[in-house]
N, C-alpha and C. Protein backbone atom coordinates (compact mmCIF):
# COMPACT_ATOMS: atom_id res chain seq x y z
N MET A 1 -37.07 -58.37 10.61
CA MET A 1 -37.16 -59.07 11.88
C MET A 1 -37.27 -60.58 11.67
N GLU A 2 -37.99 -60.98 10.64
CA GLU A 2 -38.13 -62.40 10.35
C GLU A 2 -36.78 -63.00 9.93
N LEU A 3 -35.99 -62.22 9.20
CA LEU A 3 -34.68 -62.71 8.78
C LEU A 3 -33.78 -62.95 9.99
N LEU A 4 -33.82 -62.07 10.97
CA LEU A 4 -33.02 -62.26 12.18
C LEU A 4 -33.44 -63.52 12.93
N PHE A 5 -34.74 -63.78 12.98
CA PHE A 5 -35.22 -64.99 13.63
C PHE A 5 -34.72 -66.23 12.89
N ARG A 6 -34.78 -66.18 11.57
CA ARG A 6 -34.32 -67.33 10.78
C ARG A 6 -32.83 -67.57 10.97
N ILE A 7 -32.06 -66.50 11.01
CA ILE A 7 -30.61 -66.64 11.24
C ILE A 7 -30.35 -67.16 12.65
N ALA A 8 -31.13 -66.67 13.62
CA ALA A 8 -30.96 -67.11 15.01
C ALA A 8 -31.29 -68.59 15.18
N VAL A 9 -32.11 -69.14 14.33
CA VAL A 9 -32.41 -70.57 14.38
C VAL A 9 -31.42 -71.35 13.51
N PHE A 10 -31.08 -70.81 12.35
CA PHE A 10 -30.25 -71.51 11.37
C PHE A 10 -28.84 -71.80 11.88
N VAL A 11 -28.20 -70.82 12.47
CA VAL A 11 -26.80 -70.98 12.87
C VAL A 11 -26.63 -72.01 14.00
N PRO A 12 -27.44 -71.98 15.07
CA PRO A 12 -27.27 -73.04 16.07
C PRO A 12 -27.57 -74.45 15.54
N VAL A 13 -28.57 -74.57 14.69
CA VAL A 13 -28.88 -75.87 14.10
C VAL A 13 -27.72 -76.33 13.22
N LEU A 14 -27.16 -75.40 12.46
CA LEU A 14 -26.01 -75.72 11.63
C LEU A 14 -24.83 -76.17 12.50
N PHE A 15 -24.64 -75.51 13.64
CA PHE A 15 -23.58 -75.91 14.56
C PHE A 15 -23.81 -77.32 15.09
N LEU A 16 -25.04 -77.65 15.44
CA LEU A 16 -25.33 -78.98 15.96
C LEU A 16 -25.09 -80.06 14.90
N VAL A 17 -25.45 -79.77 13.66
CA VAL A 17 -25.19 -80.71 12.57
C VAL A 17 -23.69 -80.87 12.37
N ALA A 18 -22.96 -79.76 12.40
CA ALA A 18 -21.50 -79.83 12.25
C ALA A 18 -20.88 -80.60 13.41
N LEU A 19 -21.43 -80.45 14.59
CA LEU A 19 -20.93 -81.18 15.75
C LEU A 19 -21.06 -82.68 15.55
N VAL A 20 -22.17 -83.12 15.02
CA VAL A 20 -22.37 -84.55 14.77
C VAL A 20 -21.43 -85.04 13.68
N VAL A 21 -21.28 -84.25 12.62
CA VAL A 21 -20.41 -84.66 11.50
C VAL A 21 -18.96 -84.74 11.96
N VAL A 22 -18.51 -83.74 12.71
CA VAL A 22 -17.11 -83.66 13.12
C VAL A 22 -16.80 -84.66 14.23
N ALA A 23 -17.78 -84.98 15.05
CA ALA A 23 -17.53 -85.89 16.18
C ALA A 23 -17.12 -87.28 15.71
N GLN A 24 -17.43 -87.61 14.49
CA GLN A 24 -17.05 -88.91 13.96
C GLN A 24 -15.56 -88.98 13.61
N GLN A 25 -14.89 -87.82 13.59
CA GLN A 25 -13.50 -87.77 13.17
C GLN A 25 -12.52 -87.40 14.29
N HIS A 26 -13.04 -87.00 15.45
CA HIS A 26 -12.17 -86.56 16.55
C HIS A 26 -12.46 -87.37 17.81
N ALA A 27 -11.43 -87.49 18.65
CA ALA A 27 -11.55 -88.30 19.85
C ALA A 27 -11.88 -87.48 21.09
N THR A 28 -11.44 -86.23 21.16
CA THR A 28 -11.67 -85.42 22.36
C THR A 28 -12.76 -84.39 22.11
N ALA A 29 -13.41 -83.98 23.19
CA ALA A 29 -14.48 -83.00 23.08
C ALA A 29 -13.93 -81.64 22.65
N ASP A 30 -12.76 -81.30 23.13
CA ASP A 30 -12.16 -80.01 22.79
C ASP A 30 -11.89 -79.92 21.28
N ALA A 31 -11.30 -80.93 20.73
CA ALA A 31 -11.01 -80.94 19.30
C ALA A 31 -12.30 -80.97 18.48
N THR A 32 -13.30 -81.68 18.99
CA THR A 32 -14.57 -81.77 18.28
C THR A 32 -15.26 -80.42 18.22
N VAL A 33 -15.32 -79.72 19.33
CA VAL A 33 -16.00 -78.41 19.36
C VAL A 33 -15.24 -77.40 18.50
N LYS A 34 -13.92 -77.39 18.59
CA LYS A 34 -13.14 -76.46 17.77
C LYS A 34 -13.37 -76.72 16.28
N ALA A 35 -13.35 -77.97 15.89
CA ALA A 35 -13.57 -78.31 14.48
C ALA A 35 -14.99 -78.00 14.05
N ALA A 36 -15.95 -78.18 14.96
CA ALA A 36 -17.35 -77.88 14.63
C ALA A 36 -17.55 -76.38 14.44
N VAL A 37 -16.89 -75.57 15.23
CA VAL A 37 -16.99 -74.11 15.07
C VAL A 37 -16.42 -73.69 13.72
N VAL A 38 -15.28 -74.25 13.37
CA VAL A 38 -14.65 -73.93 12.08
C VAL A 38 -15.56 -74.37 10.93
N ARG A 39 -16.09 -75.58 11.02
CA ARG A 39 -16.96 -76.09 9.96
C ARG A 39 -18.25 -75.29 9.87
N THR A 40 -18.80 -74.88 11.01
CA THR A 40 -20.01 -74.05 11.00
C THR A 40 -19.73 -72.72 10.31
N GLY A 41 -18.59 -72.12 10.60
CA GLY A 41 -18.22 -70.87 9.92
C GLY A 41 -18.10 -71.05 8.42
N ARG A 42 -17.50 -72.16 8.01
CA ARG A 42 -17.36 -72.45 6.59
C ARG A 42 -18.73 -72.63 5.94
N TRP A 43 -19.61 -73.36 6.63
CA TRP A 43 -20.95 -73.59 6.08
C TRP A 43 -21.77 -72.31 6.04
N VAL A 44 -21.58 -71.42 7.01
CA VAL A 44 -22.30 -70.14 6.99
C VAL A 44 -21.84 -69.31 5.80
N VAL A 45 -20.53 -69.30 5.54
CA VAL A 45 -20.02 -68.55 4.38
C VAL A 45 -20.59 -69.13 3.09
N TRP A 46 -20.60 -70.46 2.96
CA TRP A 46 -21.18 -71.07 1.76
C TRP A 46 -22.67 -70.78 1.64
N SER A 47 -23.36 -70.75 2.75
CA SER A 47 -24.80 -70.44 2.73
C SER A 47 -25.04 -69.02 2.24
N VAL A 48 -24.20 -68.09 2.68
CA VAL A 48 -24.33 -66.70 2.23
C VAL A 48 -24.03 -66.60 0.74
N VAL A 49 -22.99 -67.30 0.29
CA VAL A 49 -22.65 -67.28 -1.13
C VAL A 49 -23.80 -67.85 -1.97
N LEU A 50 -24.37 -68.94 -1.53
CA LEU A 50 -25.50 -69.53 -2.27
C LEU A 50 -26.72 -68.63 -2.25
N LEU A 51 -27.00 -67.99 -1.13
CA LEU A 51 -28.14 -67.07 -1.04
C LEU A 51 -27.96 -65.89 -1.98
N VAL A 52 -26.77 -65.31 -2.01
CA VAL A 52 -26.50 -64.19 -2.90
C VAL A 52 -26.59 -64.63 -4.36
N SER A 53 -26.06 -65.81 -4.67
CA SER A 53 -26.13 -66.32 -6.04
C SER A 53 -27.57 -66.54 -6.48
N MET A 54 -28.38 -67.13 -5.62
CA MET A 54 -29.78 -67.37 -5.97
C MET A 54 -30.54 -66.05 -6.14
N THR A 55 -30.22 -65.07 -5.30
CA THR A 55 -30.88 -63.77 -5.42
C THR A 55 -30.49 -63.09 -6.72
N LEU A 56 -29.22 -63.16 -7.09
CA LEU A 56 -28.78 -62.56 -8.36
C LEU A 56 -29.42 -63.26 -9.55
N LEU A 57 -29.52 -64.59 -9.50
CA LEU A 57 -30.18 -65.32 -10.58
C LEU A 57 -31.67 -64.97 -10.65
N GLU A 58 -32.28 -64.78 -9.51
CA GLU A 58 -33.69 -64.38 -9.49
C GLU A 58 -33.87 -63.01 -10.14
N LEU A 59 -33.01 -62.08 -9.78
CA LEU A 59 -33.10 -60.74 -10.37
C LEU A 59 -32.79 -60.77 -11.86
N LEU A 60 -31.89 -61.64 -12.27
CA LEU A 60 -31.52 -61.75 -13.67
C LEU A 60 -32.65 -62.31 -14.51
N PHE A 61 -33.27 -63.39 -14.03
CA PHE A 61 -34.27 -64.07 -14.85
C PHE A 61 -35.70 -63.55 -14.61
N ILE A 62 -36.00 -63.15 -13.41
CA ILE A 62 -37.36 -62.70 -13.10
C ILE A 62 -37.45 -61.18 -13.13
N GLY A 63 -36.42 -60.51 -12.67
CA GLY A 63 -36.40 -59.06 -12.65
C GLY A 63 -36.89 -58.52 -11.32
N TRP A 64 -37.03 -57.20 -11.28
CA TRP A 64 -37.45 -56.54 -10.05
C TRP A 64 -38.89 -56.90 -9.81
C-alpha cells in the first residue's frame, strides 16, 4: 500500500517537472503537454530500470 502511495505521488510530480523542462522548448500549450507526457513516460521507464538495477545489486552484494 505504501508503494502505491509513493507511485501516486511520484508520477504527477515527475509530470510537473517534465512540464517545466519541456515548456522551455515549445511555444504552444498543446505541444508542451504532449511532449511532457512523452518525457514523463520515458522518465518512468528509466526510474523502473534504475530501481530494478539497484534491487539486483542489493541482492547480489547484501543477499536475502
